[in-house]
PDB file of N, CA and C in Angstrom:
ATOM      1  N   MET A   1      89.586  82.368  80.195  1.00  0.00           N
ATOM      2  CA  MET A   1      89.835  83.757  80.139  1.00  0.00           C
ATOM      3  C   MET A   1      89.183  84.340  81.432  1.00  0.00           C
ATOM      4  N   SER A   2      89.884  85.206  82.114  1.00  0.00           N
ATOM      5  CA  SER A   2      89.354  85.751  83.353  1.00  0.00           C
ATOM      6  C   SER A   2      88.310  86.819  83.058  1.00  0.00           C
ATOM      7  N   SER A   3      87.371  86.983  83.961  1.00  0.00           N
ATOM      8  CA  SER A   3      86.258  87.949  83.739  1.00  0.00           C
ATOM      9  C   SER A   3      86.766  89.402  83.690  1.00  0.00           C
ATOM     10  N   GLY A   4      87.867  89.670  84.326  1.00  0.00           N
ATOM     11  CA  GLY A   4      88.436  91.024  84.256  1.00  0.00           C
ATOM     12  C   GLY A   4      88.890  91.352  82.861  1.00  0.00           C
ATOM     13  N   LYS A   5      89.487  90.377  82.172  1.00  0.00           N
ATOM     14  CA  LYS A   5      89.936  90.611  80.813  1.00  0.00           C
ATOM     15  C   LYS A   5      88.731  90.811  79.871  1.00  0.00           C
ATOM     16  N   VAL A   6      87.769  90.040  80.078  1.00  0.00           N
ATOM     17  CA  VAL A   6      86.509  90.116  79.266  1.00  0.00           C
ATOM     18  C   VAL A   6      85.845  91.546  79.433  1.00  0.00           C
ATOM     19  N   VAL A   7      85.704  91.916  80.704  1.00  0.00           N
ATOM     20  CA  VAL A   7      85.158  93.279  80.947  1.00  0.00           C
ATOM     21  C   VAL A   7      85.953  94.410  80.341  1.00  0.00           C
ATOM     22  N   LEU A   8      87.290  94.281  80.459  1.00  0.00           N
ATOM     23  CA  LEU A   8      88.175  95.279  79.924  1.00  0.00           C
ATOM     24  C   LEU A   8      88.071  95.311  78.346  1.00  0.00           C
ATOM     25  N   GLY A   9      87.957  94.119  77.794  1.00  0.00           N
ATOM     26  CA  GLY A   9      87.821  94.030  76.275  1.00  0.00           C
ATOM     27  C   GLY A   9      86.548  94.648  75.836  1.00  0.00           C
ATOM     28  N   VAL A  10      85.440  94.389  76.574  1.00  0.00           N
ATOM     29  CA  VAL A  10      84.129  94.890  76.262  1.00  0.00           C
ATOM     30  C   VAL A  10      84.140  96.395  76.335  1.00  0.00           C
ATOM     31  N   LEU A  11      84.709  96.961  77.365  1.00  0.00           N
ATOM     32  CA  LEU A  11      84.809  98.366  77.584  1.00  0.00           C
ATOM     33  C   LEU A  11      85.671  99.033  76.513  1.00  0.00           C
ATOM     34  N   ALA A  12      86.831  98.398  76.128  1.00  0.00           N
ATOM     35  CA  ALA A  12      87.650  98.965  75.055  1.00  0.00           C
ATOM     36  C   ALA A  12      86.880  98.953  73.772  1.00  0.00           C
ATOM     37  N   GLY A  13      86.091  97.903  73.477  1.00  0.00           N
ATOM     38  CA  GLY A  13      85.261  97.869  72.276  1.00  0.00           C
ATOM     39  C   GLY A  13      84.277  98.889  72.238  1.00  0.00           C
ATOM     40  N   LEU A  14      83.594  99.116  73.359  1.00  0.00           N
ATOM     41  CA  LEU A  14      82.600 100.138  73.460  1.00  0.00           C
ATOM     42  C   LEU A  14      83.189 101.529  73.285  1.00  0.00           C
ATOM     43  N   ALA A  15      84.376 101.753  73.827  1.00  0.00           N
ATOM     44  CA  ALA A  15      85.056 103.084  73.722  1.00  0.00           C
ATOM     45  C   ALA A  15      85.432 103.336  72.226  1.00  0.00           C
ATOM     46  N   ALA A  16      85.992 102.342  71.643  1.00  0.00           N
ATOM     47  CA  ALA A  16      86.356 102.459  70.189  1.00  0.00           C
ATOM     48  C   ALA A  16      85.184 102.706  69.315  1.00  0.00           C
ATOM     49  N   GLY A  17      84.090 102.004  69.550  1.00  0.00           N
ATOM     50  CA  GLY A  17      82.855 102.177  68.752  1.00  0.00           C
ATOM     51  C   GLY A  17      82.296 103.577  68.962  1.00  0.00           C
ATOM     52  N   ALA A  18      82.235 103.950  70.260  1.00  0.00           N
ATOM     53  CA  ALA A  18      81.685 105.355  70.454  1.00  0.00           C
ATOM     54  C   ALA A  18      82.586 106.443  69.863  1.00  0.00           C
ATOM     55  N   LEU A  19      83.908 106.319  69.958  1.00  0.00           N
ATOM     56  CA  LEU A  19      84.765 107.196  69.349  1.00  0.00           C
ATOM     57  C   LEU A  19      84.671 107.259  67.862  1.00  0.00           C
ATOM     58  N   ALA A  20      84.546 106.121  67.236  1.00  0.00           N
ATOM     59  CA  ALA A  20      84.348 106.061  65.762  1.00  0.00           C
ATOM     60  C   ALA A  20      83.063 106.782  65.400  1.00  0.00           C
ATOM     61  N   GLY A  21      81.972 106.437  66.120  1.00  0.00           N
ATOM     62  CA  GLY A  21      80.719 107.087  65.822  1.00  0.00           C
ATOM     63  C   GLY A  21      80.696 108.564  65.918  1.00  0.00           C
ATOM     64  N   ILE A  22      81.381 109.080  66.899  1.00  0.00           N
ATOM     65  CA  ILE A  22      81.485 110.542  67.122  1.00  0.00           C
ATOM     66  C   ILE A  22      82.303 111.161  66.006  1.00  0.00           C
ATOM     67  N   LEU A  23      83.438 110.518  65.654  1.00  0.00           N
ATOM     68  CA  LEU A  23      84.339 111.077  64.659  1.00  0.00           C
ATOM     69  C   LEU A  23      83.663 111.099  63.273  1.00  0.00           C
ATOM     70  N   PHE A  24      82.847 110.192  62.967  1.00  0.00           N
ATOM     71  CA  PHE A  24      82.215 110.152  61.661  1.00  0.00           C
ATOM     72  C   PHE A  24      80.844 110.842  61.658  1.00  0.00           C
ATOM     73  N   ALA A  25      80.401 111.357  62.749  1.00  0.00           N
ATOM     74  CA  ALA A  25      79.144 112.087  62.840  1.00  0.00           C
ATOM     75  C   ALA A  25      79.329 113.515  62.285  1.00  0.00           C
ATOM     76  N   PRO A  26      78.411 114.030  61.590  1.00  0.00           N
ATOM     77  CA  PRO A  26      78.497 115.445  61.072  1.00  0.00           C
ATOM     78  C   PRO A  26      78.307 116.463  62.195  1.00  0.00           C
ATOM     79  N   ALA A  27      79.404 116.929  62.776  1.00  0.00           N
ATOM     80  CA  ALA A  27      79.344 117.971  63.771  1.00  0.00           C
ATOM     81  C   ALA A  27      80.584 118.793  63.774  1.00  0.00           C
ATOM     82  N   LYS A  28      80.502 119.935  64.359  1.00  0.00           N
ATOM     83  CA  LYS A  28      81.680 120.852  64.369  1.00  0.00           C
ATOM     84  C   LYS A  28      82.761 120.214  65.174  1.00  0.00           C
ATOM     85  N   GLY A  29      84.045 120.605  64.863  1.00  0.00           N
ATOM     86  CA  GLY A  29      85.193 120.019  65.546  1.00  0.00           C
ATOM     87  C   GLY A  29      85.200 120.280  67.061  1.00  0.00           C
ATOM     88  N   SER A  30      84.808 121.468  67.463  1.00  0.00           N
ATOM     89  CA  SER A  30      84.811 121.808  68.924  1.00  0.00           C
ATOM     90  C   SER A  30      83.795 120.956  69.687  1.00  0.00           C
ATOM     91  N   ARG A  31      82.652 120.830  69.013  1.00  0.00           N
ATOM     92  CA  ARG A  31      81.588 119.990  69.649  1.00  0.00           C
ATOM     93  C   ARG A  31      82.000 118.517  69.700  1.00  0.00           C
ATOM     94  N   THR A  32      82.673 118.028  68.698  1.00  0.00           N
ATOM     95  CA  THR A  32      83.119 116.645  68.621  1.00  0.00           C
ATOM     96  C   THR A  32      84.178 116.372  69.721  1.00  0.00           C
ATOM     97  N   ARG A  33      85.123 117.383  69.883  1.00  0.00           N
ATOM     98  CA  ARG A  33      86.121 117.211  70.989  1.00  0.00           C
ATOM     99  C   ARG A  33      85.481 117.168  72.392  1.00  0.00           C
ATOM    100  N   LYS A  34      84.478 117.986  72.554  1.00  0.00           N
ATOM    101  CA  LYS A  34      83.734 117.990  73.848  1.00  0.00           C
ATOM    102  C   LYS A  34      83.088 116.646  74.099  1.00  0.00           C
ATOM    103  N   ARG A  35      82.500 116.133  73.069  1.00  0.00           N
ATOM    104  CA  ARG A  35      81.816 114.775  73.159  1.00  0.00           C
ATOM    105  C   ARG A  35      82.777 113.685  73.468  1.00  0.00           C
ATOM    106  N   ILE A  36      83.962 113.729  72.783  1.00  0.00           N
ATOM    107  CA  ILE A  36      84.991 112.776  73.077  1.00  0.00           C
ATOM    108  C   ILE A  36      85.538 112.853  74.471  1.00  0.00           C
ATOM    109  N   ALA A  37      85.746 114.051  74.932  1.00  0.00           N
ATOM    110  CA  ALA A  37      86.242 114.287  76.368  1.00  0.00           C
ATOM    111  C   ALA A  37      85.202 113.742  77.328  1.00  0.00           C
ATOM    112  N   LYS A  38      83.915 113.979  77.081  1.00  0.00           N
ATOM    113  CA  LYS A  38      82.849 113.500  78.013  1.00  0.00           C
ATOM    114  C   LYS A  38      82.818 111.988  78.007  1.00  0.00           C
ATOM    115  N   LYS A  39      82.828 111.397  76.800  1.00  0.00           N
ATOM    116  CA  LYS A  39      82.774 109.935  76.708  1.00  0.00           C
ATOM    117  C   LYS A  39      84.046 109.314  77.483  1.00  0.00           C
ATOM    118  N   GLY A  40      85.137 109.898  77.211  1.00  0.00           N
ATOM    119  CA  GLY A  40      86.446 109.428  77.832  1.00  0.00           C
ATOM    120  C   GLY A  40      86.324 109.505  79.402  1.00  0.00           C
ATOM    121  N   LYS A  41      85.687 110.592  79.895  1.00  0.00           N
ATOM    122  CA  LYS A  41      85.567 110.677  81.309  1.00  0.00           C
ATOM    123  C   LYS A  41      84.557 109.602  81.881  1.00  0.00           C
ATOM    124  N   ASP A  42      83.504 109.482  81.082  1.00  0.00           N
ATOM    125  CA  ASP A  42      82.503 108.425  81.459  1.00  0.00           C
ATOM    126  C   ASP A  42      83.161 107.001  81.564  1.00  0.00           C
ATOM    127  N   TYR A  43      83.989 106.673  80.515  1.00  0.00           N
ATOM    128  CA  TYR A  43      84.577 105.380  80.525  1.00  0.00           C
ATOM    129  C   TYR A  43      85.681 105.216  81.640  1.00  0.00           C
ATOM    130  N   ALA A  44      86.332 106.384  81.899  1.00  0.00           N
ATOM    131  CA  ALA A  44      87.334 106.316  83.026  1.00  0.00           C
ATOM    132  C   ALA A  44      86.667 106.071  84.334  1.00  0.00           C
ATOM    133  N   ASP A  45      85.520 106.726  84.497  1.00  0.00           N
ATOM    134  CA  ASP A  45      84.810 106.556  85.834  1.00  0.00           C
ATOM    135  C   ASP A  45      84.309 105.133  85.853  1.00  0.00           C
ATOM    136  N   GLY A  46      83.861 104.532  84.771  1.00  0.00           N
ATOM    137  CA  GLY A  46      83.427 103.131  84.797  1.00  0.00           C
ATOM    138  C   GLY A  46      84.547 102.192  85.162  1.00  0.00           C
ATOM    139  N   LEU A  47      85.710 102.465  84.575  1.00  0.00           N
ATOM    140  CA  LEU A  47      86.877 101.657  84.909  1.00  0.00           C
ATOM    141  C   LEU A  47      87.287 101.771  86.354  1.00  0.00           C
ATOM    142  N   LYS A  48      87.206 103.005  86.829  1.00  0.00           N
ATOM    143  CA  LYS A  48      87.523 103.213  88.279  1.00  0.00           C
ATOM    144  C   LYS A  48      86.624 102.364  89.198  1.00  0.00           C
ATOM    145  N   ASP A  49      85.282 102.360  88.832  1.00  0.00           N
ATOM    146  CA  ASP A  49      84.325 101.620  89.638  1.00  0.00           C
ATOM    147  C   ASP A  49      84.655 100.156  89.591  1.00  0.00           C
ATOM    148  N   ILE A  50      84.973  99.624  88.382  1.00  0.00           N
ATOM    149  CA  ILE A  50      85.279  98.225  88.270  1.00  0.00           C
ATOM    150  C   ILE A  50      86.567  97.876  89.053  1.00  0.00           C
ATOM    151  N   PHE A  51      87.522  98.760  89.022  1.00  0.00           N
ATOM    152  CA  PHE A  51      88.807  98.549  89.731  1.00  0.00           C
ATOM    153  C   PHE A  51      88.526  98.542  91.230  1.00  0.00           C
ATOM    154  N   ASN A  52      87.780  99.468  91.663  1.00  0.00           N
ATOM    155  CA  ASN A  52      87.442  99.608  93.137  1.00  0.00           C
ATOM    156  C   ASN A  52      86.711  98.327  93.642  1.00  0.00           C
ATOM    157  N   GLU A  53      85.754  97.817  92.839  1.00  0.00           N
ATOM    158  CA  GLU A  53      85.071  96.628  93.211  1.00  0.00           C
ATOM    159  C   GLU A  53      86.067  95.445  93.283  1.00  0.00           C
ATOM    160  N   PHE A  54      86.977  95.372  92.346  1.00  0.00           N
ATOM    161  CA  PHE A  54      87.985  94.317  92.285  1.00  0.00           C
ATOM    162  C   PHE A  54      88.855  94.406  93.565  1.00  0.00           C
ATOM    163  N   VAL A  55      89.336  95.610  93.929  1.00  0.00           N
ATOM    164  CA  VAL A  55      90.130  95.701  95.111  1.00  0.00           C
ATOM    165  C   VAL A  55      89.358  95.338  96.351  1.00  0.00           C
ATOM    166  N   GLU A  56      88.113  95.826  96.402  1.00  0.00           N
ATOM    167  CA  GLU A  56      87.286  95.480  97.606  1.00  0.00           C
ATOM    168  C   GLU A  56      87.117  93.937  97.726  1.00  0.00           C
ATOM    169  N   ASP A  57      86.881  93.254  96.615  1.00  0.00           N
ATOM    170  CA  ASP A  57      86.726  91.787  96.587  1.00  0.00           C
ATOM    171  C   ASP A  57      88.004  91.150  97.047  1.00  0.00           C
ATOM    172  N   ILE A  58      89.146  91.583  96.577  1.00  0.00           N
ATOM    173  CA  ILE A  58      90.420  91.008  96.966  1.00  0.00           C
ATOM    174  C   ILE A  58      90.657  91.233  98.399  1.00  0.00           C
ATOM    175  N   THR A  59      90.380  92.433  98.857  1.00  0.00           N
ATOM    176  CA  THR A  59      90.588  92.808 100.283  1.00  0.00           C
ATOM    177  C   THR A  59      89.745  91.910 101.173  1.00  0.00           C
ATOM    178  N   GLU A  60      88.477  91.769 100.788  1.00  0.00           N
ATOM    179  CA  GLU A  60      87.586  90.901 101.599  1.00  0.00           C
ATOM    180  C   GLU A  60      88.041  89.463 101.690  1.00  0.00           C
ATOM    181  N   LYS A  61      88.535  88.919 100.579  1.00  0.00           N
ATOM    182  CA  LYS A  61      89.072  87.547 100.544  1.00  0.00           C
ATOM    183  C   LYS A  61      90.328  87.465 101.432  1.00  0.00           C
ATOM    184  N   PHE A  62      91.158  88.465 101.291  1.00  0.00           N
ATOM    185  CA  PHE A  62      92.411  88.457 102.119  1.00  0.00           C
ATOM    186  C   PHE A  62      92.097  88.468 103.591  1.00  0.00           C
ATOM    187  N   GLU A  63      91.121  89.328 103.987  1.00  0.00           N
ATOM    188  CA  GLU A  63      90.764  89.366 105.404  1.00  0.00           C
ATOM    189  C   GLU A  63      90.115  88.024 105.883  1.00  0.00           C
ATOM    190  N   GLN A  64      89.400  87.403 105.044  1.00  0.00           N
ATOM    191  CA  GLN A  64      88.714  86.126 105.327  1.00  0.00           C
ATOM    192  C   GLN A  64      89.818  85.095 105.550  1.00  0.00           C
ATOM    193  N   VAL A  65      90.822  85.007 104.693  1.00  0.00           N
ATOM    194  CA  VAL A  65      91.901  84.041 104.831  1.00  0.00           C
ATOM    195  C   VAL A  65      92.724  84.329 106.062  1.00  0.00           C
ATOM    196  N   LYS A  66      92.989  85.628 106.327  1.00  0.00           N
ATOM    197  CA  LYS A  66      93.692  86.043 107.475  1.00  0.00           C
ATOM    198  C   LYS A  66      93.023  85.581 108.787  1.00  0.00           C
ATOM    199  N   GLU A  67      91.693  85.752 108.800  1.00  0.00           N
ATOM    200  CA  GLU A  67      90.942  85.328 109.959  1.00  0.00           C
ATOM    201  C   GLU A  67      90.962  83.791 110.133  1.00  0.00           C
ATOM    202  N   GLU A  68      90.836  83.035 109.009  1.00  0.00           N
ATOM    203  CA  GLU A  68      90.955  81.644 109.097  1.00  0.00           C
ATOM    204  C   GLU A  68      92.207  81.119 109.593  1.00  0.00           C
ATOM    205  N   VAL A  69      93.317  81.709 109.129  1.00  0.00           N
ATOM    206  CA  VAL A  69      94.591  81.305 109.591  1.00  0.00           C
ATOM    207  C   VAL A  69      94.809  81.622 111.138  1.00  0.00           C
ATOM    208  N   SER A  70      94.317  82.797 111.555  1.00  0.00           N
ATOM    209  CA  SER A  70      94.386  83.084 112.936  1.00  0.00           C
ATOM    210  C   SER A  70      93.568  82.072 113.815  1.00  0.00           C
ATOM    211  N   GLU A  71      92.369  81.741 113.334  1.00  0.00           N
ATOM    212  CA  GLU A  71      91.568  80.772 114.102  1.00  0.00           C
ATOM    213  C   GLU A  71      92.307  79.439 114.123  1.00  0.00           C
ATOM    214  N   PHE A  72      92.887  79.032 113.048  1.00  0.00           N
ATOM    215  CA  PHE A  72      93.598  77.767 113.004  1.00  0.00           C
ATOM    216  C   PHE A  72      94.777  77.749 113.932  1.00  0.00           C
ATOM    217  N   ALA A  73      95.552  78.897 113.986  1.00  0.00           N
ATOM    218  CA  ALA A  73      96.701  78.993 114.813  1.00  0.00           C
ATOM    219  C   ALA A  73      96.264  78.977 116.281  1.00  0.00           C
ATOM    220  N   GLU A  74      95.207  79.661 116.638  1.00  0.00           N
ATOM    221  CA  GLU A  74      94.685  79.669 118.020  1.00  0.00           C
ATOM    222  C   GLU A  74      94.212  78.271 118.459  1.00  0.00           C
ATOM    223  N   GLU A  75      93.591  77.552 117.491  1.00  0.00           N
ATOM    224  CA  GLU A  75      93.110  76.200 117.762  1.00  0.00           C
ATOM    225  C   GLU A  75      94.249  75.246 118.072  1.00  0.00           C
ATOM    226  N   LYS A  76      95.331  75.378 117.296  1.00  0.00           N
ATOM    227  CA  LYS A  76      96.525  74.461 117.466  1.00  0.00           C
ATOM    228  C   LYS A  76      97.234  74.832 118.698  1.00  0.00           C
ATOM    229  N   MET A  77      97.410  76.148 118.983  1.00  0.00           N
ATOM    230  CA  MET A  77      98.119  76.568 120.248  1.00  0.00           C
ATOM    231  C   MET A  77      97.258  76.185 121.471  1.00  0.00           C
ATOM    232  N   GLY A  78      95.967  76.140 121.375  1.00  0.00           N
ATOM    233  CA  GLY A  78      95.114  75.768 122.503  1.00  0.00           C
ATOM    234  C   GLY A  78      95.242  74.311 122.872  1.00  0.00           C
ATOM    235  N   LYS A  79      95.647  73.472 121.921  1.00  0.00           N
ATOM    236  CA  LYS A  79      95.748  72.087 122.225  1.00  0.00           C
ATOM    237  C   LYS A  79      97.006  71.726 122.993  1.00  0.00           C
ATOM    238  N   GLN A  80      97.886  72.626 123.189  1.00  0.00           N
ATOM    239  CA  GLN A  80      99.098  72.385 123.956  1.00  0.00           C
ATOM    240  C   GLN A  80      98.795  72.614 125.450  1.00  0.00           C
ATOM    241  N   THR A  81      99.308  71.735 126.307  1.00  0.00           N
ATOM    242  CA  THR A  81      99.063  71.860 127.721  1.00  0.00           C
ATOM    243  C   THR A  81     100.419  71.749 128.440  1.00  0.00           C
ATOM    244  N   ASP A  82     100.524  72.375 129.588  1.00  0.00           N
ATOM    245  CA  ASP A  82     101.782  72.310 130.339  1.00  0.00           C
ATOM    246  C   ASP A  82     101.744  71.107 131.258  1.00  0.00           C
ATOM    247  N   THR A  83     102.853  70.390 131.421  1.00  0.00           N
ATOM    248  CA  THR A  83     103.004  69.238 132.318  1.00  0.00           C
ATOM    249  C   THR A  83     103.588  69.792 133.605  1.00  0.00           C
ATOM    250  N   LYS A  84     103.710  68.752 134.606  1.00  0.00           N
ATOM    251  CA  LYS A  84     104.255  69.160 135.903  1.00  0.00           C
ATOM    252  C   LYS A  84     105.673  69.683 135.866  1.00  0.00           C
ATOM    253  N   ASP A  85     106.497  69.060 135.005  1.00  0.00           N
ATOM    254  CA  ASP A  85     107.921  69.385 134.964  1.00  0.00           C
ATOM    255  C   ASP A  85     108.224  70.607 134.088  1.00  0.00           C
ATOM    256  N   GLY A  86     107.212  71.311 133.534  1.00  0.00           N
ATOM    257  CA  GLY A  86     107.398  72.535 132.798  1.00  0.00           C
ATOM    258  C   GLY A  86     107.542  72.313 131.340  1.00  0.00           C
ATOM    259  N   LYS A  87     107.489  71.028 130.929  1.00  0.00           N
ATOM    260  CA  LYS A  87     107.576  70.769 129.496  1.00  0.00           C
ATOM    261  C   LYS A  87     106.213  70.906 128.902  1.00  0.00           C
ATOM    262  N   THR A  88     106.143  71.178 127.605  1.00  0.00           N
ATOM    263  CA  THR A  88     104.878  71.267 126.926  1.00  0.00           C
ATOM    264  C   THR A  88     104.551  69.994 126.225  1.00  0.00           C
ATOM    265  N   ALA A  89     103.271  69.579 126.474  1.00  0.00           N
ATOM    266  CA  ALA A  89     102.872  68.231 125.779  1.00  0.00           C
ATOM    267  C   ALA A  89     101.705  68.595 124.932  1.00  0.00           C
ATOM    268  N   ARG A  90     101.523  67.872 123.921  1.00  0.00           N
ATOM    269  CA  ARG A  90     100.296  68.053 122.969  1.00  0.00           C
ATOM    270  C   ARG A  90      99.227  67.073 123.453  1.00  0.00           C
ATOM    271  N   SER A  91      98.030  67.506 123.474  1.00  0.00           N
ATOM    272  CA  SER A  91      96.940  66.623 123.819  1.00  0.00           C
ATOM    273  C   SER A  91      96.160  66.167 122.654  1.00  0.00           C
TER     274      SER A  91
END
């Protein structure tokens, strides 16, 4: 199981538990709604942070692979040399 799915499952469980705790707590309806909205915003912010870290990680890996491919291509192109008759020979 991927770590992203585990994190998402844990966050969903926490959200469900917090929501259940707030709903069963003895408080006025307006106060309960405010608490639910605040918790929802907190969890949304947490998910945004996790998503941004994921995107940054993928971008970093993509750039690394892109750089490695460029270096490999330059290395292979550098091994070609021109001969006297204008043909290209590999060394």
